[in-house]
N, C-alpha and C. Protein backbone atom coordinates (compact mmCIF):
# COMPACT_ATOMS: atom_id res chain seq x y z
N MET A 1 -35.92 15.66 102.95
CA MET A 1 -35.45 16.94 102.30
C MET A 1 -33.99 17.00 102.75
N SER A 2 -33.10 17.37 101.90
CA SER A 2 -31.73 17.46 102.24
C SER A 2 -31.35 18.77 102.76
N GLU A 3 -30.29 18.72 103.65
CA GLU A 3 -29.67 19.97 104.16
C GLU A 3 -29.07 20.78 103.14
N LYS A 4 -29.12 22.08 103.18
CA LYS A 4 -28.48 22.98 102.33
C LYS A 4 -27.09 23.17 102.61
N LEU A 5 -26.14 23.35 101.79
CA LEU A 5 -24.74 23.50 101.97
C LEU A 5 -24.27 24.91 101.75
N LYS A 6 -23.52 25.55 102.54
CA LYS A 6 -23.04 26.83 102.38
C LYS A 6 -21.62 26.68 101.81
N ILE A 7 -21.43 27.21 100.66
CA ILE A 7 -19.96 27.23 100.05
C ILE A 7 -19.58 28.68 99.54
N LYS A 8 -18.39 28.83 99.28
CA LYS A 8 -17.89 30.07 98.81
C LYS A 8 -17.15 29.72 97.54
N LEU A 9 -17.37 30.47 96.51
CA LEU A 9 -16.74 30.17 95.21
C LEU A 9 -15.98 31.55 94.87
N SER A 10 -14.72 31.39 94.33
CA SER A 10 -13.90 32.53 93.95
C SER A 10 -13.92 32.54 92.40
N ILE A 11 -14.44 33.72 91.84
CA ILE A 11 -14.50 33.88 90.42
C ILE A 11 -14.06 35.35 90.23
N ALA A 12 -12.98 35.44 89.41
CA ALA A 12 -12.37 36.74 88.99
C ALA A 12 -12.02 37.56 90.14
N ASN A 13 -11.39 36.93 91.19
CA ASN A 13 -10.99 37.73 92.45
C ASN A 13 -12.11 38.22 93.31
N ARG A 14 -13.23 37.56 93.22
CA ARG A 14 -14.39 37.96 94.14
C ARG A 14 -14.84 36.64 94.66
N ILE A 15 -15.30 36.69 95.91
CA ILE A 15 -15.83 35.55 96.63
C ILE A 15 -17.41 35.64 96.45
N TYR A 16 -18.00 34.54 96.13
CA TYR A 16 -19.43 34.41 96.07
C TYR A 16 -19.82 33.31 96.94
N PRO A 17 -20.49 33.79 98.13
CA PRO A 17 -21.25 32.75 99.02
C PRO A 17 -22.47 32.30 98.45
N LEU A 18 -22.64 30.88 98.47
CA LEU A 18 -23.80 30.29 97.94
C LEU A 18 -24.33 29.37 98.86
N THR A 19 -25.62 29.16 98.85
CA THR A 19 -26.39 28.16 99.63
C THR A 19 -26.97 27.28 98.56
N ILE A 20 -26.50 25.93 98.60
CA ILE A 20 -26.95 24.99 97.45
C ILE A 20 -27.28 23.64 98.07
N ASP A 21 -27.79 22.79 97.18
CA ASP A 21 -28.00 21.44 97.50
C ASP A 21 -26.68 20.77 97.48
N PRO A 22 -26.32 19.79 98.26
CA PRO A 22 -25.03 19.19 98.32
C PRO A 22 -24.78 18.50 96.87
N SER A 23 -25.89 18.12 96.21
CA SER A 23 -25.61 17.43 94.97
C SER A 23 -25.08 18.52 93.82
N GLN A 24 -25.26 19.70 94.14
CA GLN A 24 -24.72 20.69 93.20
C GLN A 24 -23.36 21.14 93.30
N GLU A 25 -22.73 20.83 94.51
CA GLU A 25 -21.39 21.26 94.91
C GLU A 25 -20.29 20.99 93.77
N GLU A 26 -20.18 19.85 93.40
CA GLU A 26 -19.07 19.35 92.52
C GLU A 26 -19.26 20.11 91.16
N GLY A 27 -20.41 20.15 90.61
CA GLY A 27 -20.53 20.94 89.39
C GLY A 27 -20.29 22.31 89.44
N LEU A 28 -20.69 23.04 90.59
CA LEU A 28 -20.53 24.38 90.73
C LEU A 28 -18.83 24.67 90.96
N ARG A 29 -18.28 23.85 91.67
CA ARG A 29 -16.84 23.96 91.75
C ARG A 29 -16.04 23.87 90.54
N ILE A 30 -16.45 22.84 89.70
CA ILE A 30 -15.83 22.61 88.38
C ILE A 30 -16.08 23.80 87.53
N ALA A 31 -17.37 24.25 87.52
CA ALA A 31 -17.68 25.28 86.57
C ALA A 31 -16.86 26.70 87.00
N ALA A 32 -16.66 26.97 88.30
CA ALA A 32 -15.96 28.05 88.83
C ALA A 32 -14.49 27.84 88.40
N GLN A 33 -13.96 26.66 88.44
CA GLN A 33 -12.61 26.50 87.98
C GLN A 33 -12.44 26.76 86.56
N LYS A 34 -13.39 26.26 85.68
CA LYS A 34 -13.36 26.50 84.27
C LYS A 34 -13.45 27.96 84.04
N ILE A 35 -14.23 28.71 84.65
CA ILE A 35 -14.31 30.09 84.50
C ILE A 35 -13.00 30.81 84.83
N GLU A 36 -12.42 30.45 85.85
CA GLU A 36 -11.07 31.03 86.26
C GLU A 36 -10.06 30.81 85.16
N VAL A 37 -10.00 29.53 84.72
CA VAL A 37 -8.99 29.26 83.67
C VAL A 37 -9.28 30.03 82.36
N THR A 38 -10.57 30.21 82.06
CA THR A 38 -10.91 30.99 80.87
C THR A 38 -10.57 32.47 81.11
N VAL A 39 -10.89 32.94 82.27
CA VAL A 39 -10.48 34.42 82.64
C VAL A 39 -9.00 34.66 82.47
N LYS A 40 -8.15 33.77 82.94
CA LYS A 40 -6.79 33.88 82.83
C LYS A 40 -6.30 33.82 81.33
N LYS A 41 -6.97 33.04 80.64
CA LYS A 41 -6.60 32.78 79.18
C LYS A 41 -6.88 34.12 78.52
N TYR A 42 -8.08 34.68 78.69
CA TYR A 42 -8.29 35.98 77.96
C TYR A 42 -7.46 37.09 78.56
N GLU A 43 -7.09 37.16 79.80
CA GLU A 43 -6.29 38.12 80.29
C GLU A 43 -4.80 38.13 79.76
N GLN A 44 -4.36 36.81 79.52
CA GLN A 44 -2.99 36.64 78.89
C GLN A 44 -3.02 36.90 77.39
N SER A 45 -4.13 36.63 76.72
CA SER A 45 -4.15 36.73 75.27
C SER A 45 -4.55 38.09 74.80
N TYR A 46 -5.32 38.77 75.62
CA TYR A 46 -5.70 40.16 75.19
C TYR A 46 -5.41 41.13 76.25
N SER A 47 -5.17 42.43 75.89
CA SER A 47 -4.89 43.31 76.99
C SER A 47 -6.22 43.99 77.41
N VAL A 48 -6.88 43.30 78.25
CA VAL A 48 -8.19 43.62 78.76
C VAL A 48 -8.04 44.22 80.14
N LYS A 49 -8.48 45.40 80.41
CA LYS A 49 -8.16 45.95 81.69
C LYS A 49 -9.49 45.84 82.60
N ASP A 50 -10.57 45.54 82.11
CA ASP A 50 -11.88 45.48 82.90
C ASP A 50 -12.25 44.13 82.95
N LYS A 51 -12.39 43.63 84.31
CA LYS A 51 -12.87 42.28 84.54
C LYS A 51 -14.14 41.84 84.01
N GLN A 52 -15.02 42.91 83.87
CA GLN A 52 -16.36 42.85 83.36
C GLN A 52 -16.30 42.45 82.04
N ASP A 53 -15.38 43.03 81.14
CA ASP A 53 -15.20 42.61 79.78
C ASP A 53 -14.72 41.05 79.63
N VAL A 54 -13.80 40.79 80.49
CA VAL A 54 -13.36 39.34 80.45
C VAL A 54 -14.48 38.45 80.81
N LEU A 55 -15.19 38.67 81.85
CA LEU A 55 -16.24 37.85 82.29
C LEU A 55 -17.53 37.71 81.24
N ALA A 56 -17.63 38.90 80.51
CA ALA A 56 -18.69 38.74 79.41
C ALA A 56 -18.27 37.87 78.29
N MET A 57 -16.94 37.95 78.00
CA MET A 57 -16.45 37.09 76.96
C MET A 57 -16.48 35.57 77.43
N CYS A 58 -16.17 35.42 78.63
CA CYS A 58 -16.32 33.97 79.25
C CYS A 58 -17.83 33.54 79.08
N ALA A 59 -18.66 34.45 79.48
CA ALA A 59 -20.18 34.06 79.48
C ALA A 59 -20.49 33.69 77.96
N LEU A 60 -20.07 34.52 77.02
CA LEU A 60 -20.38 34.36 75.64
C LEU A 60 -19.85 33.04 75.24
N GLN A 61 -18.62 32.78 75.52
CA GLN A 61 -17.93 31.45 75.15
C GLN A 61 -18.76 30.31 75.58
N PHE A 62 -19.05 30.29 76.92
CA PHE A 62 -19.76 29.01 77.62
C PHE A 62 -21.20 29.00 76.98
N ALA A 63 -21.85 30.18 76.76
CA ALA A 63 -23.14 30.06 76.22
C ALA A 63 -23.17 29.57 74.85
N ALA A 64 -22.29 30.03 74.10
CA ALA A 64 -22.21 29.53 72.54
C ALA A 64 -22.00 28.07 72.67
N LYS A 65 -21.03 27.56 73.50
CA LYS A 65 -20.76 26.09 73.43
C LYS A 65 -21.94 25.42 73.90
N ALA A 66 -22.80 25.87 74.85
CA ALA A 66 -24.06 25.18 75.19
C ALA A 66 -25.02 25.28 74.13
N GLU A 67 -25.12 26.28 73.35
CA GLU A 67 -26.06 26.38 72.33
C GLU A 67 -25.65 25.48 71.19
N GLN A 68 -24.37 25.42 70.90
CA GLN A 68 -23.91 24.53 69.74
C GLN A 68 -24.19 23.04 70.16
N THR A 69 -23.96 22.68 71.46
CA THR A 69 -24.23 21.35 71.84
C THR A 69 -25.80 21.01 71.67
N THR A 70 -26.60 22.01 72.09
CA THR A 70 -28.06 21.83 71.86
C THR A 70 -28.39 21.68 70.34
N LEU A 71 -27.83 22.40 69.58
CA LEU A 71 -28.11 22.36 68.15
C LEU A 71 -27.58 20.93 67.66
N THR A 72 -26.47 20.59 68.00
CA THR A 72 -26.00 19.23 67.50
C THR A 72 -26.79 18.10 68.06
N LYS A 73 -27.24 18.13 69.36
CA LYS A 73 -28.08 17.09 69.82
C LYS A 73 -29.44 17.08 69.03
N ASN A 74 -29.97 18.34 68.78
CA ASN A 74 -31.31 18.39 68.11
C ASN A 74 -31.14 17.79 66.73
N SER A 75 -30.08 18.03 65.98
CA SER A 75 -29.76 17.48 64.70
C SER A 75 -29.67 15.99 64.70
N LEU A 76 -28.88 15.44 65.68
CA LEU A 76 -28.79 14.05 65.82
C LEU A 76 -30.00 13.45 66.13
N ASN A 77 -30.93 13.94 67.01
CA ASN A 77 -32.20 13.37 67.32
C ASN A 77 -33.02 13.36 66.23
N ALA A 78 -33.09 14.41 65.40
CA ALA A 78 -33.91 14.38 64.17
C ALA A 78 -33.51 13.35 63.28
N ALA A 79 -32.17 13.13 62.99
CA ALA A 79 -31.67 12.14 62.06
C ALA A 79 -31.99 10.76 62.69
N LEU A 80 -31.88 10.57 63.98
CA LEU A 80 -32.12 9.39 64.60
C LEU A 80 -33.70 9.04 64.47
N GLU A 81 -34.45 9.98 64.71
CA GLU A 81 -36.02 9.76 64.58
C GLU A 81 -36.37 9.46 63.22
N GLN A 82 -35.70 9.99 62.14
CA GLN A 82 -35.83 9.75 60.71
C GLN A 82 -35.59 8.26 60.44
N ARG A 83 -34.38 7.92 60.91
CA ARG A 83 -33.86 6.52 60.80
C ARG A 83 -34.82 5.47 61.46
N LEU A 84 -35.31 5.74 62.60
CA LEU A 84 -36.24 4.88 63.30
C LEU A 84 -37.59 4.71 62.58
N ASN A 85 -37.98 5.96 62.01
CA ASN A 85 -39.25 5.85 61.30
C ASN A 85 -39.04 4.96 59.97
N ASP A 86 -37.94 5.15 59.36
CA ASP A 86 -37.58 4.25 58.14
C ASP A 86 -37.62 2.80 58.56
N LEU A 87 -36.82 2.52 59.63
CA LEU A 87 -36.87 1.15 60.03
C LEU A 87 -38.20 0.54 60.38
N ASP A 88 -38.97 1.37 61.02
CA ASP A 88 -40.38 1.04 61.38
C ASP A 88 -41.21 0.62 60.09
N LYS A 89 -41.12 1.44 59.14
CA LYS A 89 -41.73 1.28 57.78
C LYS A 89 -41.28 -0.06 57.25
N GLN A 90 -39.97 -0.38 57.22
CA GLN A 90 -39.44 -1.57 56.64
C GLN A 90 -39.97 -2.78 57.49
N ILE A 91 -39.95 -2.65 58.76
CA ILE A 91 -40.51 -3.73 59.53
C ILE A 91 -42.02 -4.06 59.15
N GLU A 92 -42.73 -2.96 59.14
CA GLU A 92 -44.23 -3.02 58.84
C GLU A 92 -44.41 -3.68 57.41
N SER A 93 -43.59 -3.32 56.47
CA SER A 93 -43.70 -3.85 55.08
C SER A 93 -43.36 -5.23 55.16
N HIS A 94 -42.35 -5.73 55.92
CA HIS A 94 -42.04 -7.16 56.01
C HIS A 94 -43.03 -7.95 56.59
N LEU A 95 -43.66 -7.33 57.67
CA LEU A 95 -44.67 -8.05 58.39
C LEU A 95 -45.94 -8.28 57.55
N ASN A 96 -46.19 -7.10 56.80
CA ASN A 96 -47.54 -7.14 55.89
C ASN A 96 -47.32 -8.21 54.79
N ASN A 97 -46.11 -8.33 54.24
CA ASN A 97 -45.82 -9.28 53.18
C ASN A 97 -45.86 -10.71 53.62
N ASP A 98 -45.50 -10.99 54.92
CA ASP A 98 -45.43 -12.28 55.42
C ASP A 98 -46.83 -12.79 55.75
N PHE A 99 -47.82 -11.85 56.02
CA PHE A 99 -49.16 -12.31 56.23
C PHE A 99 -50.09 -12.33 55.05
N LEU A 100 -49.53 -11.93 53.90
CA LEU A 100 -50.35 -11.95 52.67
C LEU A 100 -50.38 -13.27 51.97
């Protein structure tokens, strides 16, 4: 069982102390950096006064990207499965013809 790691992440001018598995640290730090960049982008592009609104827009952007990735993967998986089924049928057909 691995030791837990205590880290502090800064998001939108607030510090969030977390206790995590060491394997999660890099991913969480990268995610926090991406959030900070997105917050700054929204603050510069739009005259938003409330950090909660900016954070909500960030959350929406990241969630939409994750959902789109899932939809794309599902579509690719379905196409791949269909292609594999077609290839399987062709192989079976050739094998059946060879034994006749």
